[in-house]
Amino acid sequence: MHPCRPGLSVLLAFLVVPLYAQNLAVWKDPSPHITRFVTVDKDVRLEVLDWGVSGRPIVLLAGGGDTAHVYDDFAPKLSTHYHVYGITRRGFGASGYSATDHPANRLADDVLAVIDALNLKRPVLIGHSIAGAELSEVANSHPDRIAGVVYLEAAYSYAFDNGKGASAMDAQKLQGPQPPPPSGVDLASFNALQKYYERVNGFRFPEAELRAQWESTPDGGVGKQLDLPGYALFMPLMTGAEKYTAIPVPALVFFANPHSQGAWVDNNTDPAVQTAAKAYSDVLAALTEKQEKAVKDGLPMARVITVPGAHHYVYLSNEAEVLRALGAFLADLR
């Protein structure tokens, strides 16, 4: 075997490095959707994921800080019977951004603009967490445009407030025990970061979602979390003047109560962690129960489902239960 000549070694180095870099950049979202962009405002295009298939249209709205890719694993389970879409809110992921003084109205108009652009006939809107504000705004301002709404841990005071429930800001102020941040090993790749979140929460986030929230390094690792402009919308939604006291369309409402604080708490033997977790859980359970009662009393036609021990990401922690209830709700809609 002959040793490489110096000139050949240099040539190989120039060839191998670009090929290596290309291999790192080849990652492709495995979720079976197509991506399109819909213009909803001046210089603002929203990323819209389409999981295809025919049937009643369903539009998925992500929770605070997430993109439509958070549904990459969940949506295909729905798309066996329905035509499922997901919208990435302005200011996150691949969607554009411009500021607004009226976020509830503007975000609802964004959803309606997508519905118009795709020519969807009375879709069902399904939203997680802060997306409840968008659900309630659309339901109240344009009830004729949608067939129903589904609140996935999303019917807190920013989505329904008749003065008898709990303030979402009260829950926001609570602070339970925090897991250790991801280590260097956890940030070695996005797959490693997925496993970190699985250890913490007990379920995985889709890789495309993590890639939308974290920087990617040239060597395929994970850099810093991204500081995204859309976060500016959330405090006005939580504290804004919009108070929704009615939901004039069929509604399915999921509450996690008591809330799971994740697998890292369940498996943690540190007495201090367990004490802090119980204190946090007790207060949060009381606030959630108060809001649940307000929703049940104020919206007697809504279907309210309590999922004990579910995570705030109830559709990921308790996927099968959510899908069963969703199927029954959707089957009864006109």
C-alpha atoms as a PDB file:
ATOM      1  CA  MET A   1       0.000   0.000   0.000  1.00  0.00           C
ATOM      2  CA  HIS A   2       1.592   3.244  -1.091  1.00  0.00           C
ATOM      3  CA  PRO A   3       1.460   6.321   1.134  1.00  0.00           C
ATOM      4  CA  CYS A   4      -0.527   9.256  -0.259  1.00  0.00           C
ATOM      5  CA  ARG A   5       1.508  11.954  -1.927  1.00  0.00           C
ATOM      6  CA  PRO A   6       1.296  15.368  -0.153  1.00  0.00           C
ATOM      7  CA  GLY A   7      -0.528  16.953  -3.083  1.00  0.00           C
ATOM      8  CA  LEU A   8      -3.097  14.154  -3.153  1.00  0.00           C
ATOM      9  CA  SER A   9      -3.702  14.478   0.612  1.00  0.00           C
ATOM     10  CA  VAL A  10      -4.509  18.148   0.229  1.00  0.00           C
ATOM     11  CA  LEU A  11      -6.836  17.410  -2.696  1.00  0.00           C
ATOM     12  CA  LEU A  12      -8.652  14.730  -0.681  1.00  0.00           C
ATOM     13  CA  ALA A  13      -9.049  17.122   2.230  1.00  0.00           C
ATOM     14  CA  PHE A  14     -10.713  19.693  -0.027  1.00  0.00           C
ATOM     15  CA  LEU A  15     -13.028  17.014  -1.395  1.00  0.00           C
ATOM     16  CA  VAL A  16     -13.959  15.308   1.877  1.00  0.00           C
ATOM     17  CA  VAL A  17     -14.746  18.411   3.943  1.00  0.00           C
ATOM     18  CA  PRO A  18     -17.428  19.763   1.579  1.00  0.00           C
ATOM     19  CA  LEU A  19     -18.960  16.297   1.253  1.00  0.00           C
ATOM     20  CA  TYR A  20     -19.041  15.990   5.049  1.00  0.00           C
ATOM     21  CA  ALA A  21     -20.675  19.391   5.348  1.00  0.00           C
ATOM     22  CA  GLN A  22     -23.237  18.449   2.708  1.00  0.00           C
ATOM     23  CA  ASN A  23     -24.137  15.291   4.608  1.00  0.00           C
ATOM     24  CA  LEU A  24     -24.784  17.334   7.757  1.00  0.00           C
ATOM     25  CA  ALA A  25     -27.148  19.639   5.893  1.00  0.00           C
ATOM     26  CA  VAL A  26     -29.244  16.919   4.319  1.00  0.00           C
ATOM     27  CA  TRP A  27     -31.653  16.418   7.250  1.00  0.00           C
ATOM     28  CA  LYS A  28     -35.249  16.227   6.040  1.00  0.00           C
ATOM     29  CA  ASP A  29     -38.402  16.432   8.072  1.00  0.00           C
ATOM     30  CA  PRO A  30     -39.869  12.899   8.007  1.00  0.00           C
ATOM     31  CA  SER A  31     -43.431  14.041   8.732  1.00  0.00           C
ATOM     32  CA  PRO A  32     -45.586  13.470   5.601  1.00  0.00           C
ATOM     33  CA  HIS A  33     -46.603  17.051   4.899  1.00  0.00           C
ATOM     34  CA  ILE A  34     -46.031  19.592   2.194  1.00  0.00           C
ATOM     35  CA  THR A  35     -45.112  23.170   3.069  1.00  0.00           C
ATOM     36  CA  ARG A  36     -46.609  26.263   1.535  1.00  0.00           C
ATOM     37  CA  PHE A  37     -46.592  29.943   2.434  1.00  0.00           C
ATOM     38  CA  VAL A  38     -49.636  32.189   2.657  1.00  0.00           C
ATOM     39  CA  THR A  39     -49.377  35.994   2.639  1.00  0.00           C
ATOM     40  CA  VAL A  40     -51.568  37.388   5.430  1.00  0.00           C
ATOM     41  CA  ASP A  41     -50.250  40.926   5.857  1.00  0.00           C
ATOM     42  CA  LYS A  42     -47.783  43.320   4.286  1.00  0.00           C
ATOM     43  CA  ASP A  43     -44.425  41.516   4.203  1.00  0.00           C
ATOM     44  CA  VAL A  44     -45.797  38.665   6.368  1.00  0.00           C
ATOM     45  CA  ARG A  45     -46.065  35.146   4.975  1.00  0.00           C
ATOM     46  CA  LEU A  46     -47.080  32.280   7.230  1.00  0.00           C
ATOM     47  CA  GLU A  47     -45.740  28.752   6.995  1.00  0.00           C
ATOM     48  CA  VAL A  48     -48.618  26.319   6.473  1.00  0.00           C
ATOM     49  CA  LEU A  49     -48.143  22.566   6.698  1.00  0.00           C
ATOM     50  CA  ASP A  50     -50.529  20.312   4.778  1.00  0.00           C
ATOM     51  CA  TRP A  51     -50.741  16.641   5.768  1.00  0.00           C
ATOM     52  CA  GLY A  52     -53.136  15.959   2.910  1.00  0.00           C
ATOM     53  CA  VAL A  53     -55.892  13.378   2.572  1.00  0.00           C
ATOM     54  CA  SER A  54     -59.525  14.289   1.969  1.00  0.00           C
ATOM     55  CA  GLY A  55     -62.277  14.868   4.469  1.00  0.00           C
ATOM     56  CA  ARG A  56     -63.312  17.606   6.881  1.00  0.00           C
ATOM     57  CA  PRO A  57     -60.591  20.253   7.107  1.00  0.00           C
ATOM     58  CA  ILE A  58     -58.826  20.642  10.453  1.00  0.00           C
ATOM     59  CA  VAL A  59     -56.468  23.506  11.251  1.00  0.00           C
ATOM     60  CA  LEU A  60     -53.924  23.043  14.048  1.00  0.00           C
ATOM     61  CA  LEU A  61     -52.639  26.080  15.939  1.00  0.00           C
ATOM     62  CA  ALA A  62     -49.508  25.746  18.062  1.00  0.00           C
ATOM     63  CA  GLY A  63     -48.974  26.874  21.629  1.00  0.00           C
ATOM     64  CA  GLY A  64     -46.741  29.732  22.712  1.00  0.00           C
ATOM     65  CA  GLY A  65     -43.260  29.583  21.221  1.00  0.00           C
ATOM     66  CA  ASP A  66     -44.021  26.544  19.062  1.00  0.00           C
ATOM     67  CA  THR A  67     -44.454  26.143  15.320  1.00  0.00           C
ATOM     68  CA  ALA A  68     -46.827  23.933  13.354  1.00  0.00           C
ATOM     69  CA  HIS A  69     -44.053  21.309  13.380  1.00  0.00           C
ATOM     70  CA  VAL A  70     -44.879  20.531  17.003  1.00  0.00           C
ATOM     71  CA  TYR A  71     -47.741  18.515  15.476  1.00  0.00           C
ATOM     72  CA  ASP A  72     -45.452  16.565  13.107  1.00  0.00           C
ATOM     73  CA  ASP A  73     -46.111  13.280  14.925  1.00  0.00           C
ATOM     74  CA  PHE A  74     -49.680  13.984  16.061  1.00  0.00           C
ATOM     75  CA  ALA A  75     -51.181  15.276  12.793  1.00  0.00           C
ATOM     76  CA  PRO A  76     -50.638  12.101  10.741  1.00  0.00           C
ATOM     77  CA  LYS A  77     -52.823  10.219  13.257  1.00  0.00           C
ATOM     78  CA  LEU A  78     -55.663  12.613  12.387  1.00  0.00           C
ATOM     79  CA  SER A  79     -54.989  12.722   8.665  1.00  0.00           C
ATOM     80  CA  THR A  80     -56.238   9.163   8.180  1.00  0.00           C
ATOM     81  CA  HIS A  81     -59.791  10.599   8.219  1.00  0.00           C
ATOM     82  CA  TYR A  82     -59.418  14.367   7.905  1.00  0.00           C
ATOM     83  CA  HIS A  83     -57.558  16.923   5.813  1.00  0.00           C
ATOM     84  CA  VAL A  84     -55.152  18.367   8.362  1.00  0.00           C
ATOM     85  CA  TYR A  85     -53.301  21.674   8.153  1.00  0.00           C
ATOM     86  CA  GLY A  86     -51.031  23.441  10.625  1.00  0.00           C
ATOM     87  CA  ILE A  87     -50.212  27.152  10.810  1.00  0.00           C
ATOM     88  CA  THR A  88     -46.979  28.558  12.203  1.00  0.00           C
ATOM     89  CA  ARG A  89     -47.895  31.800  13.953  1.00  0.00           C
ATOM     90  CA  ARG A  90     -46.237  35.035  12.820  1.00  0.00           C
ATOM     91  CA  GLY A  91     -42.876  35.616  14.465  1.00  0.00           C
ATOM     92  CA  PHE A  92     -41.943  31.940  14.771  1.00  0.00           C
ATOM     93  CA  GLY A  93     -40.199  29.368  12.622  1.00  0.00           C
ATOM     94  CA  ALA A  94     -40.298  30.125   8.918  1.00  0.00           C
ATOM     95  CA  SER A  95     -43.195  32.592   9.243  1.00  0.00           C
ATOM     96  CA  GLY A  96     -42.666  36.309   8.812  1.00  0.00           C
ATOM     97  CA  TYR A  97     -43.402  38.955  11.422  1.00  0.00           C
ATOM     98  CA  SER A  98     -44.652  42.475  11.867  1.00  0.00           C
ATOM     99  CA  ALA A  99     -45.724  44.025  15.146  1.00  0.00           C
ATOM    100  CA  THR A 100     -49.359  44.692  16.037  1.00  0.00           C
ATOM    101  CA  ASP A 101     -51.153  46.643  18.755  1.00  0.00           C
ATOM    102  CA  HIS A 102     -54.062  44.188  18.787  1.00  0.00           C
ATOM    103  CA  PRO A 103     -52.572  40.684  18.807  1.00  0.00           C
ATOM    104  CA  ALA A 104     -55.812  38.751  19.395  1.00  0.00           C
ATOM    105  CA  ASN A 105     -57.520  40.405  16.432  1.00  0.00           C
ATOM    106  CA  ARG A 106     -54.424  40.259  14.232  1.00  0.00           C
ATOM    107  CA  LEU A 107     -53.666  36.608  14.925  1.00  0.00           C
ATOM    108  CA  ALA A 108     -57.294  35.657  14.334  1.00  0.00           C
ATOM    109  CA  ASP A 109     -57.219  37.578  11.045  1.00  0.00           C
ATOM    110  CA  ASP A 110     -54.072  35.622  10.124  1.00  0.00           C
ATOM    111  CA  VAL A 111     -55.942  32.353  10.670  1.00  0.00           C
ATOM    112  CA  LEU A 112     -58.911  33.552   8.624  1.00  0.00           C
ATOM    113  CA  ALA A 113     -56.573  34.697   5.830  1.00  0.00           C
ATOM    114  CA  VAL A 114     -55.126  31.185   5.642  1.00  0.00           C
ATOM    115  CA  ILE A 115     -58.625  29.670   5.629  1.00  0.00           C
ATOM    116  CA  ASP A 116     -59.527  31.970   2.729  1.00  0.00           C
ATOM    117  CA  ALA A 117     -56.321  31.324   0.795  1.00  0.00           C
ATOM    118  CA  LEU A 118     -56.794  27.551   1.041  1.00  0.00           C
ATOM    119  CA  ASN A 119     -60.530  27.819   0.362  1.00  0.00           C
ATOM    120  CA  LEU A 120     -61.403  25.780   3.441  1.00  0.00           C
ATOM    121  CA  LYS A 121     -65.098  25.287   4.146  1.00  0.00           C
ATOM    122  CA  ARG A 122     -65.920  25.568   7.855  1.00  0.00           C
ATOM    123  CA  PRO A 123     -62.824  23.887   9.254  1.00  0.00           C
ATOM    124  CA  VAL A 124     -62.438  22.764  12.851  1.00  0.00           C
ATOM    125  CA  LEU A 125     -59.802  24.777  14.700  1.00  0.00           C
ATOM    126  CA  ILE A 126     -57.660  22.906  17.232  1.00  0.00           C
ATOM    127  CA  GLY A 127     -55.306  24.952  19.395  1.00  0.00           C
ATOM    128  CA  HIS A 128     -52.869  24.367  22.228  1.00  0.00           C
ATOM    129  CA  SER A 129     -52.180  26.692  25.159  1.00  0.00           C
ATOM    130  CA  ILE A 130     -52.107  30.402  24.201  1.00  0.00           C
ATOM    131  CA  ALA A 131     -53.729  29.495  20.856  1.00  0.00           C
ATOM    132  CA  GLY A 132     -56.950  29.452  22.866  1.00  0.00           C
ATOM    133  CA  ALA A 133     -57.071  33.224  22.386  1.00  0.00           C
ATOM    134  CA  GLU A 134     -57.086  32.780  18.608  1.00  0.00           C
ATOM    135  CA  LEU A 135     -59.759  30.072  18.852  1.00  0.00           C
ATOM    136  CA  SER A 136     -62.043  32.258  20.940  1.00  0.00           C
ATOM    137  CA  GLU A 137     -61.503  35.365  18.812  1.00  0.00           C
ATOM    138  CA  VAL A 138     -62.387  33.520  15.589  1.00  0.00           C
ATOM    139  CA  ALA A 139     -65.334  31.740  17.246  1.00  0.00           C
ATOM    140  CA  ASN A 140     -66.780  35.031  18.507  1.00  0.00           C
ATOM    141  CA  SER A 141     -66.056  37.238  15.511  1.00  0.00           C
ATOM    142  CA  HIS A 142     -66.790  34.745  12.714  1.00  0.00           C
ATOM    143  CA  PRO A 143     -68.751  31.774  14.115  1.00  0.00           C
ATOM    144  CA  ASP A 144     -70.161  31.046  10.663  1.00  0.00           C
ATOM    145  CA  ARG A 145     -66.675  30.423   9.263  1.00  0.00           C
ATOM    146  CA  ILE A 146     -65.820  27.399  11.436  1.00  0.00           C
ATOM    147  CA  ALA A 147     -67.540  24.165  12.460  1.00  0.00           C
ATOM    148  CA  GLY A 148     -66.073  23.950  15.952  1.00  0.00           C
ATOM    149  CA  VAL A 149     -63.104  24.541  18.224  1.00  0.00           C
ATOM    150  CA  VAL A 150     -60.934  22.255  20.339  1.00  0.00           C
ATOM    151  CA  TYR A 151     -58.966  23.642  23.285  1.00  0.00           C
ATOM    152  CA  LEU A 152     -55.924  21.542  24.155  1.00  0.00           C
ATOM    153  CA  GLU A 153     -55.062  22.915  27.590  1.00  0.00           C
ATOM    154  CA  ALA A 154     -56.060  26.233  26.034  1.00  0.00           C
ATOM    155  CA  ALA A 155     -59.285  27.358  27.753  1.00  0.00           C
ATOM    156  CA  TYR A 156     -57.715  29.530  30.420  1.00  0.00           C
ATOM    157  CA  SER A 157     -58.688  33.150  31.076  1.00  0.00           C
ATOM    158  CA  TYR A 158     -57.176  34.438  27.843  1.00  0.00           C
ATOM    159  CA  ALA A 159     -59.715  32.209  26.025  1.00  0.00           C
ATOM    160  CA  PHE A 160     -62.706  32.249  28.393  1.00  0.00           C
ATOM    161  CA  ASP A 161     -63.244  34.704  31.227  1.00  0.00           C
ATOM    162  CA  ASN A 162     -66.670  35.221  32.758  1.00  0.00           C
ATOM    163  CA  GLY A 163     -65.203  36.590  35.996  1.00  0.00           C
ATOM    164  CA  LYS A 164     -65.639  33.322  37.875  1.00  0.00           C
ATOM    165  CA  GLY A 165     -62.551  31.412  36.817  1.00  0.00           C
ATOM    166  CA  ALA A 166     -58.849  31.634  37.537  1.00  0.00           C
ATOM    167  CA  SER A 167     -56.479  34.166  36.060  1.00  0.00           C
ATOM    168  CA  ALA A 168     -53.914  32.752  33.667  1.00  0.00           C
ATOM    169  CA  MET A 169     -51.487  35.311  35.092  1.00  0.00           C
ATOM    170  CA  ASP A 170     -51.835  33.717  38.531  1.00  0.00           C
ATOM    171  CA  ALA A 171     -50.727  30.389  37.080  1.00  0.00           C
ATOM    172  CA  GLN A 172     -47.989  32.140  35.114  1.00  0.00           C
ATOM    173  CA  LYS A 173     -46.480  33.437  38.369  1.00  0.00           C
ATOM    174  CA  LEU A 174     -46.174  29.955  39.835  1.00  0.00           C
ATOM    175  CA  GLN A 175     -42.758  28.353  39.663  1.00  0.00           C
ATOM    176  CA  GLY A 176     -42.260  24.666  40.157  1.00  0.00           C
ATOM    177  CA  PRO A 177     -38.923  22.840  40.365  1.00  0.00           C
ATOM    178  CA  GLN A 178     -36.878  23.220  37.203  1.00  0.00           C
ATOM    179  CA  PRO A 179     -35.000  20.382  35.466  1.00  0.00           C
ATOM    180  CA  PRO A 180     -31.274  20.699  34.871  1.00  0.00           C
ATOM    181  CA  PRO A 181     -30.561  22.391  31.521  1.00  0.00           C
ATOM    182  CA  PRO A 182     -29.315  20.302  28.594  1.00  0.00           C
ATOM    183  CA  SER A 183     -25.634  19.411  28.908  1.00  0.00           C
ATOM    184  CA  GLY A 184     -23.001  19.443  26.200  1.00  0.00           C
ATOM    185  CA  VAL A 185     -23.824  15.809  25.490  1.00  0.00           C
ATOM    186  CA  ASP A 186     -27.507  16.711  25.102  1.00  0.00           C
ATOM    187  CA  LEU A 187     -26.563  19.425  22.618  1.00  0.00           C
ATOM    188  CA  ALA A 188     -24.297  17.211  20.513  1.00  0.00           C
ATOM    189  CA  SER A 189     -27.144  16.646  18.031  1.00  0.00           C
ATOM    190  CA  PHE A 190     -30.834  17.295  17.658  1.00  0.00           C
ATOM    191  CA  ASN A 191     -31.498  13.624  18.267  1.00  0.00           C
ATOM    192  CA  ALA A 192     -29.656  13.933  21.580  1.00  0.00           C
ATOM    193  CA  LEU A 193     -31.755  17.007  22.429  1.00  0.00           C
ATOM    194  CA  GLN A 194     -34.909  15.012  21.648  1.00  0.00           C
ATOM    195  CA  LYS A 195     -33.779  12.385  24.136  1.00  0.00           C
ATOM    196  CA  TYR A 196     -33.098  15.089  26.744  1.00  0.00           C
ATOM    197  CA  TYR A 197     -36.678  16.364  26.461  1.00  0.00           C
ATOM    198  CA  GLU A 198     -37.978  12.818  26.569  1.00  0.00           C
ATOM    199  CA  ARG A 199     -36.146  12.270  29.883  1.00  0.00           C
ATOM    200  CA  VAL A 200     -37.523  15.557  31.202  1.00  0.00           C
ATOM    201  CA  ASN A 201     -41.115  15.370  29.952  1.00  0.00           C
ATOM    202  CA  GLY A 202     -41.752  11.705  29.259  1.00  0.00           C
ATOM    203  CA  PHE A 203     -42.417  12.331  25.551  1.00  0.00           C
ATOM    204  CA  ARG A 204     -40.464  13.587  22.540  1.00  0.00           C
ATOM    205  CA  PHE A 205     -40.807  16.792  20.596  1.00  0.00           C
ATOM    206  CA  PRO A 206     -40.529  16.336  16.827  1.00  0.00           C
ATOM    207  CA  GLU A 207     -37.025  17.132  15.590  1.00  0.00           C
ATOM    208  CA  ALA A 208     -38.312  19.763  13.152  1.00  0.00           C
ATOM    209  CA  GLU A 209     -39.825  21.631  16.092  1.00  0.00           C
ATOM    210  CA  LEU A 210     -36.518  21.680  17.949  1.00  0.00           C
ATOM    211  CA  ARG A 211     -34.745  22.863  14.802  1.00  0.00           C
ATOM    212  CA  ALA A 212     -37.195  25.773  14.634  1.00  0.00           C
ATOM    213  CA  GLN A 213     -36.326  26.821  18.199  1.00  0.00           C
ATOM    214  CA  TRP A 214     -32.570  26.205  18.429  1.00  0.00           C
ATOM    215  CA  GLU A 215     -29.601  27.200  16.311  1.00  0.00           C
ATOM    216  CA  SER A 216     -27.879  24.469  14.329  1.00  0.00           C
ATOM    217  CA  THR A 217     -24.072  24.418  14.447  1.00  0.00           C
ATOM    218  CA  PRO A 218     -21.879  23.616  11.412  1.00  0.00           C
ATOM    219  CA  ASP A 219     -20.913  20.251  12.885  1.00  0.00           C
ATOM    220  CA  GLY A 220     -24.545  19.122  13.264  1.00  0.00           C
ATOM    221  CA  GLY A 221     -24.823  20.063  16.920  1.00  0.00           C
ATOM    222  CA  VAL A 222     -27.273  22.349  18.710  1.00  0.00           C
ATOM    223  CA  GLY A 223     -26.412  25.967  19.459  1.00  0.00           C
ATOM    224  CA  LYS A 224     -28.345  28.595  21.410  1.00  0.00           C
ATOM    225  CA  GLN A 225     -32.086  28.845  21.727  1.00  0.00           C
ATOM    226  CA  LEU A 226     -33.415  31.389  19.253  1.00  0.00           C
ATOM    227  CA  ASP A 227     -34.772  34.725  20.445  1.00  0.00           C
ATOM    228  CA  LEU A 228     -37.872  34.977  18.267  1.00  0.00           C
ATOM    229  CA  PRO A 229     -39.903  38.171  17.702  1.00  0.00           C
ATOM    230  CA  GLY A 230     -43.267  36.471  18.138  1.00  0.00           C
ATOM    231  CA  TYR A 231     -42.798  36.257  21.901  1.00  0.00           C
ATOM    232  CA  ALA A 232     -43.730  39.952  22.048  1.00  0.00           C
ATOM    233  CA  LEU A 233     -47.329  38.970  21.248  1.00  0.00           C
ATOM    234  CA  PHE A 234     -47.964  36.788  24.270  1.00  0.00           C
ATOM    235  CA  MET A 235     -48.059  39.140  27.250  1.00  0.00           C
ATOM    236  CA  PRO A 236     -50.663  41.376  25.549  1.00  0.00           C
ATOM    237  CA  LEU A 237     -52.727  38.238  24.908  1.00  0.00           C
ATOM    238  CA  MET A 238     -52.490  37.251  28.575  1.00  0.00           C
ATOM    239  CA  THR A 239     -53.323  40.696  29.950  1.00  0.00           C
ATOM    240  CA  GLY A 240     -55.293  42.249  27.071  1.00  0.00           C
ATOM    241  CA  ALA A 241     -58.705  43.823  27.128  1.00  0.00           C
ATOM    242  CA  GLU A 242     -60.291  40.938  25.209  1.00  0.00           C
ATOM    243  CA  LYS A 243     -62.563  38.986  27.577  1.00  0.00           C
ATOM    244  CA  TYR A 244     -64.376  36.098  25.936  1.00  0.00           C
ATOM    245  CA  THR A 245     -67.511  35.186  27.854  1.00  0.00           C
ATOM    246  CA  ALA A 246     -69.070  32.963  25.200  1.00  0.00           C
ATOM    247  CA  ILE A 247     -67.969  30.388  22.636  1.00  0.00           C
ATOM    248  CA  PRO A 248     -70.837  30.333  20.093  1.00  0.00           C
ATOM    249  CA  VAL A 249     -69.719  27.193  18.243  1.00  0.00           C
ATOM    250  CA  PRO A 250     -69.390  23.548  19.309  1.00  0.00           C
ATOM    251  CA  ALA A 251     -66.403  23.217  21.626  1.00  0.00           C
ATOM    252  CA  LEU A 252     -64.296  20.411  23.053  1.00  0.00           C
ATOM    253  CA  VAL A 253     -62.127  21.431  26.002  1.00  0.00           C
ATOM    254  CA  PHE A 254     -59.242  19.469  27.511  1.00  0.00           C
ATOM    255  CA  PHE A 255     -57.799  20.270  30.928  1.00  0.00           C
ATOM    256  CA  ALA A 256     -54.824  18.507  32.491  1.00  0.00           C
ATOM    257  CA  ASN A 257     -55.537  18.277  36.214  1.00  0.00           C
ATOM    258  CA  PRO A 258     -53.506  17.535  38.185  1.00  0.00           C
ATOM    259  CA  HIS A 259     -50.724  18.512  35.800  1.00  0.00           C
ATOM    260  CA  SER A 260     -47.752  16.272  35.220  1.00  0.00           C
ATOM    261  CA  GLN A 261     -44.487  18.105  35.830  1.00  0.00           C
ATOM    262  CA  GLY A 262     -42.651  15.613  33.689  1.00  0.00           C
ATOM    263  CA  ALA A 263     -40.826  12.329  34.013  1.00  0.00           C
ATOM    264  CA  TRP A 264     -37.822  14.024  35.585  1.00  0.00           C
ATOM    265  CA  VAL A 265     -39.962  14.887  38.652  1.00  0.00           C
ATOM    266  CA  ASP A 266     -41.704  11.511  38.739  1.00  0.00           C
ATOM    267  CA  ASN A 267     -38.337   9.739  38.765  1.00  0.00           C
ATOM    268  CA  ASN A 268     -36.555  12.175  41.079  1.00  0.00           C
ATOM    269  CA  THR A 269     -35.817  10.981  44.622  1.00  0.00           C
ATOM    270  CA  ASP A 270     -34.542  14.327  45.936  1.00  0.00           C
ATOM    271  CA  PRO A 271     -36.878  15.291  48.843  1.00  0.00           C
ATOM    272  CA  ALA A 272     -36.478  18.993  48.051  1.00  0.00           C
ATOM    273  CA  VAL A 273     -37.632  18.451  44.464  1.00  0.00           C
ATOM    274  CA  GLN A 274     -40.597  16.371  45.594  1.00  0.00           C
ATOM    275  CA  THR A 275     -41.629  18.972  48.194  1.00  0.00           C
ATOM    276  CA  ALA A 276     -41.427  21.815  45.690  1.00  0.00           C
ATOM    277  CA  ALA A 277     -43.280  19.780  43.077  1.00  0.00           C
ATOM    278  CA  LYS A 278     -46.137  18.970  45.463  1.00  0.00           C
ATOM    279  CA  ALA A 279     -46.513  22.590  46.553  1.00  0.00           C
ATOM    280  CA  TYR A 280     -46.612  23.733  42.938  1.00  0.00           C
ATOM    281  CA  SER A 281     -49.021  20.949  41.937  1.00  0.00           C
ATOM    282  CA  ASP A 282     -51.472  21.708  44.755  1.00  0.00           C
ATOM    283  CA  VAL A 283     -51.777  25.401  43.894  1.00  0.00           C
ATOM    284  CA  LEU A 284     -51.955  24.777  40.140  1.00  0.00           C
ATOM    285  CA  ALA A 285     -54.608  22.075  40.625  1.00  0.00           C
ATOM    286  CA  ALA A 286     -56.798  24.487  42.605  1.00  0.00           C
ATOM    287  CA  LEU A 287     -56.481  27.200  39.941  1.00  0.00           C
ATOM    288  CA  THR A 288     -57.209  24.726  37.140  1.00  0.00           C
ATOM    289  CA  GLU A 289     -60.225  23.317  38.971  1.00  0.00           C
ATOM    290  CA  LYS A 290     -61.606  26.828  39.398  1.00  0.00           C
ATOM    291  CA  GLN A 291     -61.223  27.547  35.679  1.00  0.00           C
ATOM    292  CA  GLU A 292     -62.728  24.182  34.750  1.00  0.00           C
ATOM    293  CA  LYS A 293     -65.819  24.942  36.836  1.00  0.00           C
ATOM    294  CA  ALA A 294     -66.165  28.362  35.221  1.00  0.00           C
ATOM    295  CA  VAL A 295     -65.999  26.798  31.762  1.00  0.00           C
ATOM    296  CA  LYS A 296     -68.491  24.036  32.613  1.00  0.00           C
ATOM    297  CA  ASP A 297     -70.953  26.484  34.184  1.00  0.00           C
ATOM    298  CA  GLY A 298     -70.468  29.217  31.576  1.00  0.00           C
ATOM    299  CA  LEU A 299     -70.406  26.957  28.520  1.00  0.00           C
ATOM    300  CA  PRO A 300     -72.912  24.185  29.325  1.00  0.00           C
ATOM    301  CA  MET A 301     -72.933  22.949  25.716  1.00  0.00           C
ATOM    302  CA  ALA A 302     -69.152  22.452  25.616  1.00  0.00           C
ATOM    303  CA  ARG A 303     -67.631  19.028  26.175  1.00  0.00           C
ATOM    304  CA  VAL A 304     -65.089  19.368  28.972  1.00  0.00           C
ATOM    305  CA  ILE A 305     -62.640  16.527  29.532  1.00  0.00           C
ATOM    306  CA  THR A 306     -60.270  16.358  32.478  1.00  0.00           C
ATOM    307  CA  VAL A 307     -57.151  14.260  31.951  1.00  0.00           C
ATOM    308  CA  PRO A 308     -55.545  13.517  35.337  1.00  0.00           C
ATOM    309  CA  GLY A 309     -51.771  13.439  35.330  1.00  0.00           C
ATOM    310  CA  ALA A 310     -51.452  14.797  31.793  1.00  0.00           C
ATOM    311  CA  HIS A 311     -48.715  17.214  30.815  1.00  0.00           C
ATOM    312  CA  HIS A 312     -49.544  20.721  29.559  1.00  0.00           C
ATOM    313  CA  TYR A 313     -48.726  19.230  26.129  1.00  0.00           C
ATOM    314  CA  VAL A 314     -51.691  16.918  26.647  1.00  0.00           C
ATOM    315  CA  TYR A 315     -51.827  15.806  23.012  1.00  0.00           C
ATOM    316  CA  LEU A 316     -48.260  14.509  23.302  1.00  0.00           C
ATOM    317  CA  SER A 317     -48.360  13.043  26.819  1.00  0.00           C
ATOM    318  CA  ASN A 318     -51.832  11.470  26.413  1.00  0.00           C
ATOM    319  CA  GLU A 319     -52.096  11.140  22.653  1.00  0.00           C
ATOM    320  CA  ALA A 320     -54.423   8.116  22.521  1.00  0.00           C
ATOM    321  CA  GLU A 321     -56.945   9.629  24.942  1.00  0.00           C
ATOM    322  CA  VAL A 322     -56.992  12.936  23.076  1.00  0.00           C
ATOM    323  CA  LEU A 323     -57.445  11.204  19.726  1.00  0.00           C
ATOM    324  CA  ARG A 324     -60.383   9.137  21.032  1.00  0.00           C
ATOM    325  CA  ALA A 325     -62.205  12.179  22.379  1.00  0.00           C
ATOM    326  CA  LEU A 326     -61.428  14.157  19.241  1.00  0.00           C
ATOM    327  CA  GLY A 327     -62.811  11.400  17.049  1.00  0.00           C
ATOM    328  CA  ALA A 328     -66.099  11.322  18.964  1.00  0.00           C
ATOM    329  CA  PHE A 329     -66.406  15.131  18.892  1.00  0.00           C
ATOM    330  CA  LEU A 330     -65.658  15.408  15.186  1.00  0.00           C
ATOM    331  CA  ALA A 331     -68.067  12.594  14.318  1.00  0.00           C
ATOM    332  CA  ASP A 332     -70.950  14.529  15.913  1.00  0.00           C
ATOM    333  CA  LEU A 333     -70.286  17.788  14.062  1.00  0.00           C
ATOM    334  CA  ARG A 334     -72.438  18.765  11.112  1.00  0.00           C
END
